[in-house]
Amino acid sequence: MSWKSYIHGYQSYLRLEKSLSPNSVEAYVHDVQKLTQYLDHTGNLAGPAQLALKDIQGFLRWISELGMTARSQARIVSGLKGFYKYLLLENIIRKDPTELVESPKTGRKLPVFLTVTEINSLIEAIDLSTPEGKRNKAILETMYSCGLRVTELVNLKITNLYFNEGFIKVVGKGNKERLVPLSAMAQNEIVYYLREIRTGIPVRSGSEDIVFLSRRGSKLSRVMIFTIIKALATQAGIKKSISPHTFRHSFATHLVEGGADLRAVQEMLGHESITTTEIYTHLDREYLRSTIIQFHPRS
């Protein structure tokens, strides 16, 4: 059985049993394909069951020498461990050669976030004289109000908008659903867009329930959201390197700085582990100091 067949089985496992998104499946498969590239490069004809720890370590040295960052190496190690875990579950192998492999130390990289003033500057840079401008304002208000991932935003459905209750239902990673509160400002922008803009767009088949549409009536791509935000950042004179995820990070940062409970933020972001949410607590020293003074019993 060839590597290609094993990878195809792994791909089906990730998609059907783990319910991962197409982007996540592609990333995990790419990690395994990187290993097969190394094996081809070195002339190693061994299959997954024949590889040993020394082969995996040789592969990791190879990608390190290629200049790959510690963070990228750690992601690949995680991908390989997932692949071999699948092989064990399917009884294809009896021993996991990645079991003793340690991931490189990466530290904790803090994503860029925007201040409230910068958020306002971005939104104010939108040209509201066009239908696309009014749509883009609704998009940005929704992203900042709800802290959505870009994939969650482009897949947001009309049937998942619960305006009377003040919530939207979001389908996140692994097809896991969560309810996220919607601000009054974001709700007003969405309602205006749906009533005044979207009704004038000829909707393409398959996009009838999608909230935000292109001018051609189809679902927006992730790349289009990146493009919109990059263009607005330039117009607003913001020098930071930002992306749709910057809005998610800003959403969480502003909540935590405002005193929101970390568990509540975790629920709204859809994080499985609280440790993932803790990256949003990069608060300045003065904020930490004032918090301790206010709440510590000995202060």
Protein backbone atom coordinates (compact mmCIF):
# COMPACT_ATOMS: atom_id res chain seq x y z
CA MET A 1 0.00 0.00 0.00
CA SER A 2 1.48 3.38 -1.03
CA TRP A 3 1.87 6.56 1.01
CA LYS A 4 -0.76 8.09 -1.27
CA SER A 5 -3.33 5.50 -0.15
CA TYR A 6 -2.53 6.03 3.54
CA ILE A 7 -2.79 9.79 3.15
CA HIS A 8 -6.11 9.45 1.33
CA GLY A 9 -7.45 7.34 4.21
CA TYR A 10 -6.18 9.90 6.72
CA GLN A 11 -7.87 12.66 4.74
CA SER A 12 -11.21 10.85 4.87
CA TYR A 13 -10.75 10.22 8.61
CA LEU A 14 -10.16 13.92 9.30
CA ARG A 15 -13.10 14.99 7.19
CA LEU A 16 -15.68 12.38 8.20
CA GLU A 17 -14.77 11.27 11.73
CA LYS A 18 -13.06 14.38 13.09
CA SER A 19 -15.39 16.75 11.16
CA LEU A 20 -12.57 19.18 10.41
CA SER A 21 -12.97 22.02 7.94
CA PRO A 22 -11.48 21.68 4.43
CA ASN A 23 -8.74 24.16 5.38
CA SER A 24 -7.74 22.16 8.47
CA VAL A 25 -7.78 18.87 6.53
CA GLU A 26 -5.56 20.40 3.86
CA ALA A 27 -3.09 21.67 6.50
CA TYR A 28 -2.79 18.25 8.21
CA VAL A 29 -2.38 16.42 4.91
CA HIS A 30 0.27 18.93 3.81
CA ASP A 31 2.31 18.10 6.94
CA VAL A 32 2.42 14.41 5.99
CA GLN A 33 3.20 15.21 2.37
CA LYS A 34 6.19 17.22 3.58
CA LEU A 35 7.51 14.01 5.17
CA THR A 36 7.07 12.09 1.90
CA GLN A 37 9.00 14.84 0.08
CA TYR A 38 11.88 14.28 2.50
CA LEU A 39 11.77 10.53 1.95
CA ASP A 40 11.86 11.02 -1.83
CA HIS A 41 14.75 13.47 -1.42
CA THR A 42 16.80 10.97 0.60
CA GLY A 43 15.81 7.92 -1.45
CA ASN A 44 14.08 6.29 1.52
CA LEU A 45 11.48 3.82 0.20
CA ALA A 46 10.09 2.85 3.61
CA GLY A 47 6.36 2.99 4.28
CA PRO A 48 4.74 4.48 7.41
CA ALA A 49 5.06 1.19 9.33
CA GLN A 50 8.80 0.91 8.57
CA LEU A 51 9.82 4.41 9.69
CA ALA A 52 11.70 4.71 12.98
CA LEU A 53 12.38 7.56 15.39
CA LYS A 54 15.70 8.31 13.67
CA ASP A 55 13.88 8.82 10.35
CA ILE A 56 11.50 11.35 11.90
CA GLN A 57 14.41 13.12 13.61
CA GLY A 58 16.25 13.27 10.27
CA PHE A 59 13.17 14.82 8.68
CA LEU A 60 12.96 17.45 11.43
CA ARG A 61 16.64 18.35 10.94
CA TRP A 62 15.95 18.67 7.21
CA ILE A 63 13.05 21.12 7.58
CA SER A 64 15.06 23.08 10.16
CA GLU A 65 17.96 23.40 7.71
CA LEU A 66 15.49 24.65 5.10
CA GLY A 67 14.93 27.64 7.37
CA MET A 68 11.50 26.69 8.68
CA THR A 69 10.55 28.53 11.87
CA ALA A 70 10.14 26.75 15.20
CA ARG A 71 6.41 27.48 15.09
CA SER A 72 6.05 25.87 11.66
CA GLN A 73 8.13 22.89 12.78
CA ALA A 74 5.92 22.45 15.85
CA ARG A 75 2.82 22.46 13.65
CA ILE A 76 4.29 19.78 11.40
CA VAL A 77 5.21 17.61 14.41
CA SER A 78 1.61 17.94 15.59
CA GLY A 79 0.40 16.92 12.12
CA LEU A 80 2.64 13.86 12.01
CA LYS A 81 1.56 12.78 15.48
CA GLY A 82 -2.06 13.01 14.32
CA PHE A 83 -1.29 10.91 11.24
CA TYR A 84 0.38 8.16 13.25
CA LYS A 85 -2.40 8.23 15.81
CA TYR A 86 -4.80 7.50 12.91
CA LEU A 87 -2.58 4.61 11.73
CA LEU A 88 -2.64 3.13 15.24
CA LEU A 89 -6.44 3.41 15.42
CA GLU A 90 -6.72 1.60 12.09
CA ASN A 91 -4.24 -1.11 13.22
CA ILE A 92 -2.00 -0.26 10.27
CA ILE A 93 1.00 0.07 12.60
CA ARG A 94 1.86 -1.33 16.02
CA LYS A 95 4.43 1.24 17.11
CA ASP A 96 4.35 5.03 16.77
CA PRO A 97 7.77 6.47 15.75
CA THR A 98 6.62 9.99 16.68
CA GLU A 99 5.82 9.04 20.28
CA LEU A 100 9.14 10.34 21.68
CA VAL A 101 9.42 13.32 19.32
CA GLU A 102 9.28 16.66 21.13
CA SER A 103 8.03 19.83 19.48
CA PRO A 104 10.44 22.80 19.24
CA LYS A 105 9.92 25.47 21.89
CA THR A 106 8.07 28.29 20.19
CA GLY A 107 7.27 30.74 22.94
CA ARG A 108 3.99 32.61 22.76
CA LYS A 109 3.50 34.94 19.83
CA LEU A 110 0.92 37.63 20.46
CA PRO A 111 -1.16 38.60 17.43
CA VAL A 112 -1.59 42.25 16.52
CA PHE A 113 -4.73 43.94 17.83
CA LEU A 114 -6.37 47.28 17.08
CA THR A 115 -7.35 49.98 19.53
CA VAL A 116 -10.97 51.14 19.67
CA THR A 117 -9.88 54.32 17.89
CA GLU A 118 -8.28 52.29 15.09
CA ILE A 119 -11.40 50.13 14.75
CA ASN A 120 -13.47 53.30 14.38
CA SER A 121 -11.00 54.70 11.82
CA LEU A 122 -11.31 51.56 9.71
CA ILE A 123 -15.10 51.66 9.74
CA GLU A 124 -15.13 55.39 9.00
CA ALA A 125 -12.93 54.76 5.94
CA ILE A 126 -15.71 52.74 4.28
CA ASP A 127 -17.36 54.39 1.28
CA LEU A 128 -21.04 54.21 2.23
CA SER A 129 -22.18 55.63 -1.11
CA THR A 130 -21.95 52.15 -2.67
CA PRO A 131 -23.90 48.94 -1.94
CA GLU A 132 -20.59 47.14 -1.29
CA GLY A 133 -19.64 49.82 1.24
CA LYS A 134 -22.84 49.31 3.22
CA ARG A 135 -22.24 45.55 3.12
CA ASN A 136 -18.64 45.99 4.27
CA LYS A 137 -19.75 48.08 7.23
CA ALA A 138 -22.11 45.31 8.31
CA ILE A 139 -19.27 42.79 7.90
CA LEU A 140 -16.80 44.74 10.04
CA GLU A 141 -19.37 45.49 12.74
CA THR A 142 -20.25 41.77 12.88
CA MET A 143 -16.62 40.67 13.06
CA TYR A 144 -15.83 43.11 15.87
CA SER A 145 -19.09 42.50 17.73
CA CYS A 146 -18.83 38.70 17.69
CA GLY A 147 -15.11 37.87 17.31
CA LEU A 148 -15.76 35.54 14.38
CA ARG A 149 -13.18 33.59 12.45
CA VAL A 150 -13.18 34.58 8.78
CA THR A 151 -14.58 31.16 7.77
CA GLU A 152 -17.39 31.57 10.30
CA LEU A 153 -18.20 34.99 8.87
CA VAL A 154 -18.42 33.97 5.20
CA ASN A 155 -20.54 30.93 6.13
CA LEU A 156 -22.93 32.86 8.42
CA LYS A 157 -26.54 31.95 7.57
CA ILE A 158 -29.70 34.03 7.69
CA THR A 159 -31.48 31.18 9.47
CA ASN A 160 -28.88 31.41 12.24
CA LEU A 161 -29.66 35.04 13.07
CA TYR A 162 -31.78 35.29 16.22
CA PHE A 163 -32.37 39.03 16.43
CA ASN A 164 -35.19 38.82 18.98
CA GLU A 165 -32.89 37.00 21.39
CA GLY A 166 -29.83 39.11 20.49
CA PHE A 167 -27.71 36.10 19.39
CA ILE A 168 -26.30 34.51 16.27
CA LYS A 169 -25.52 30.82 15.90
CA VAL A 170 -22.01 30.18 14.62
CA VAL A 171 -20.63 26.94 13.20
CA GLY A 172 -16.98 26.79 14.21
CA LYS A 173 -14.11 24.32 13.96
CA GLY A 174 -15.14 20.68 13.86
CA ASN A 175 -18.72 21.75 13.01
CA LYS A 176 -19.22 22.75 16.63
CA GLU A 177 -22.05 25.23 17.13
CA ARG A 178 -22.10 28.08 19.60
CA LEU A 179 -24.34 31.06 20.35
CA VAL A 180 -22.64 34.46 20.32
CA PRO A 181 -24.25 37.71 21.57
CA LEU A 182 -24.78 40.34 18.87
CA SER A 183 -24.41 44.04 19.66
CA ALA A 184 -27.26 46.42 18.81
CA MET A 185 -24.98 48.32 16.40
CA ALA A 186 -24.02 45.16 14.49
CA GLN A 187 -27.63 44.00 14.40
CA ASN A 188 -28.78 47.33 12.96
CA GLU A 189 -26.14 47.16 10.21
CA ILE A 190 -27.05 43.56 9.31
CA VAL A 191 -30.78 44.35 9.22
CA TYR A 192 -30.17 47.38 6.98
CA TYR A 193 -27.96 45.32 4.67
CA LEU A 194 -30.50 42.49 4.42
CA ARG A 195 -33.44 44.81 3.74
CA GLU A 196 -31.89 47.51 1.59
CA ILE A 197 -28.89 45.93 -0.17
CA ARG A 198 -29.13 42.15 -0.31
CA THR A 199 -32.70 42.20 -1.68
CA GLY A 200 -31.37 43.85 -4.83
CA ILE A 201 -28.80 41.13 -5.53
CA PRO A 202 -29.64 38.18 -7.82
CA VAL A 203 -28.76 35.29 -5.49
CA ARG A 204 -26.97 32.31 -7.01
CA SER A 205 -28.08 28.76 -6.33
CA GLY A 206 -26.59 27.46 -3.08
CA SER A 207 -26.18 30.91 -1.52
CA GLU A 208 -29.83 31.58 -0.67
CA ASP A 209 -29.23 31.30 3.09
CA ILE A 210 -25.83 33.05 3.19
CA VAL A 211 -25.88 36.49 4.83
CA PHE A 212 -23.07 38.34 3.06
CA LEU A 213 -22.94 38.05 -0.73
CA SER A 214 -20.73 39.31 -3.53
CA ARG A 215 -22.23 41.62 -6.15
CA ARG A 216 -22.74 38.50 -8.28
CA GLY A 217 -24.88 36.87 -5.61
CA SER A 218 -22.46 34.22 -4.40
CA LYS A 219 -20.80 33.62 -1.04
CA LEU A 220 -17.78 35.81 -0.35
CA SER A 221 -14.40 34.11 -0.27
CA ARG A 222 -11.98 34.31 2.64
CA VAL A 223 -9.52 36.10 0.37
CA MET A 224 -12.12 38.78 -0.41
CA ILE A 225 -12.48 39.58 3.30
CA PHE A 226 -8.68 39.90 3.58
CA THR A 227 -8.67 42.23 0.57
CA ILE A 228 -11.43 44.45 1.98
CA ILE A 229 -9.66 44.86 5.33
CA LYS A 230 -6.21 45.48 3.81
CA ALA A 231 -7.65 48.21 1.54
CA LEU A 232 -9.47 49.92 4.43
CA ALA A 233 -6.32 49.81 6.60
CA THR A 234 -4.42 51.64 3.85
CA GLN A 235 -7.17 54.25 3.51
CA ALA A 236 -7.31 54.74 7.28
CA GLY A 237 -3.53 55.16 7.49
CA ILE A 238 -3.09 52.16 9.81
CA LYS A 239 0.47 50.84 9.50
CA LYS A 240 -0.06 47.60 11.42
CA SER A 241 -0.13 44.36 9.45
CA ILE A 242 -3.73 43.30 9.98
CA SER A 243 -6.08 40.57 8.79
CA PRO A 244 -9.62 39.40 9.60
CA HIS A 245 -8.20 37.60 12.65
CA THR A 246 -7.07 40.99 13.97
CA PHE A 247 -10.74 41.83 14.59
CA ARG A 248 -11.18 38.58 16.54
CA HIS A 249 -8.12 39.34 18.62
CA SER A 250 -9.24 42.95 19.19
CA PHE A 251 -12.71 41.73 20.24
CA ALA A 252 -11.24 39.42 22.89
CA THR A 253 -8.58 41.88 24.05
CA HIS A 254 -11.07 44.70 24.58
CA LEU A 255 -13.43 42.37 26.49
CA VAL A 256 -10.68 41.16 28.82
CA GLU A 257 -9.31 44.66 29.37
CA GLY A 258 -12.85 45.75 30.20
CA GLY A 259 -13.08 43.11 32.93
CA ALA A 260 -14.88 40.27 31.14
CA ASP A 261 -14.58 36.80 32.64
CA LEU A 262 -12.06 34.68 30.72
CA ARG A 263 -14.44 31.70 30.68
CA ALA A 264 -17.12 33.83 29.03
CA VAL A 265 -14.62 34.99 26.40
CA GLN A 266 -13.62 31.36 25.84
CA GLU A 267 -17.24 30.42 25.15
CA MET A 268 -17.76 33.32 22.74
CA LEU A 269 -14.58 32.51 20.81
CA GLY A 270 -15.35 28.79 20.68
CA HIS A 271 -12.04 27.68 22.20
CA GLU A 272 -11.92 24.12 23.51
CA SER A 273 -9.23 24.96 26.06
CA ILE A 274 -8.96 27.98 28.35
CA THR A 275 -5.20 27.99 27.69
CA THR A 276 -5.91 29.02 24.08
CA THR A 277 -7.97 31.96 25.32
CA GLU A 278 -5.22 33.08 27.69
CA ILE A 279 -3.24 34.47 24.77
CA TYR A 280 -5.77 37.32 24.76
CA THR A 281 -4.74 38.43 28.23
CA HIS A 282 -1.64 40.32 27.09
CA LEU A 283 -2.57 43.27 29.24
CA ASP A 284 -0.23 46.12 29.99
CA ARG A 285 1.53 46.24 33.34
CA GLU A 286 -0.49 49.19 34.59
CA TYR A 287 -3.76 47.36 33.97
CA LEU A 288 -2.49 44.30 35.86
CA ARG A 289 -1.25 46.50 38.70
CA SER A 290 -4.57 48.36 39.02
CA THR A 291 -6.51 45.09 38.94
CA ILE A 292 -4.42 43.59 41.77
CA ILE A 293 -4.77 46.74 43.85
CA GLN A 294 -8.53 46.74 43.35
CA PHE A 295 -9.23 43.07 44.08
CA HIS A 296 -6.42 41.64 46.26
CA PRO A 297 -7.53 41.41 49.94
CA ARG A 298 -4.13 42.65 51.19
CA SER A 299 -4.09 45.76 48.98
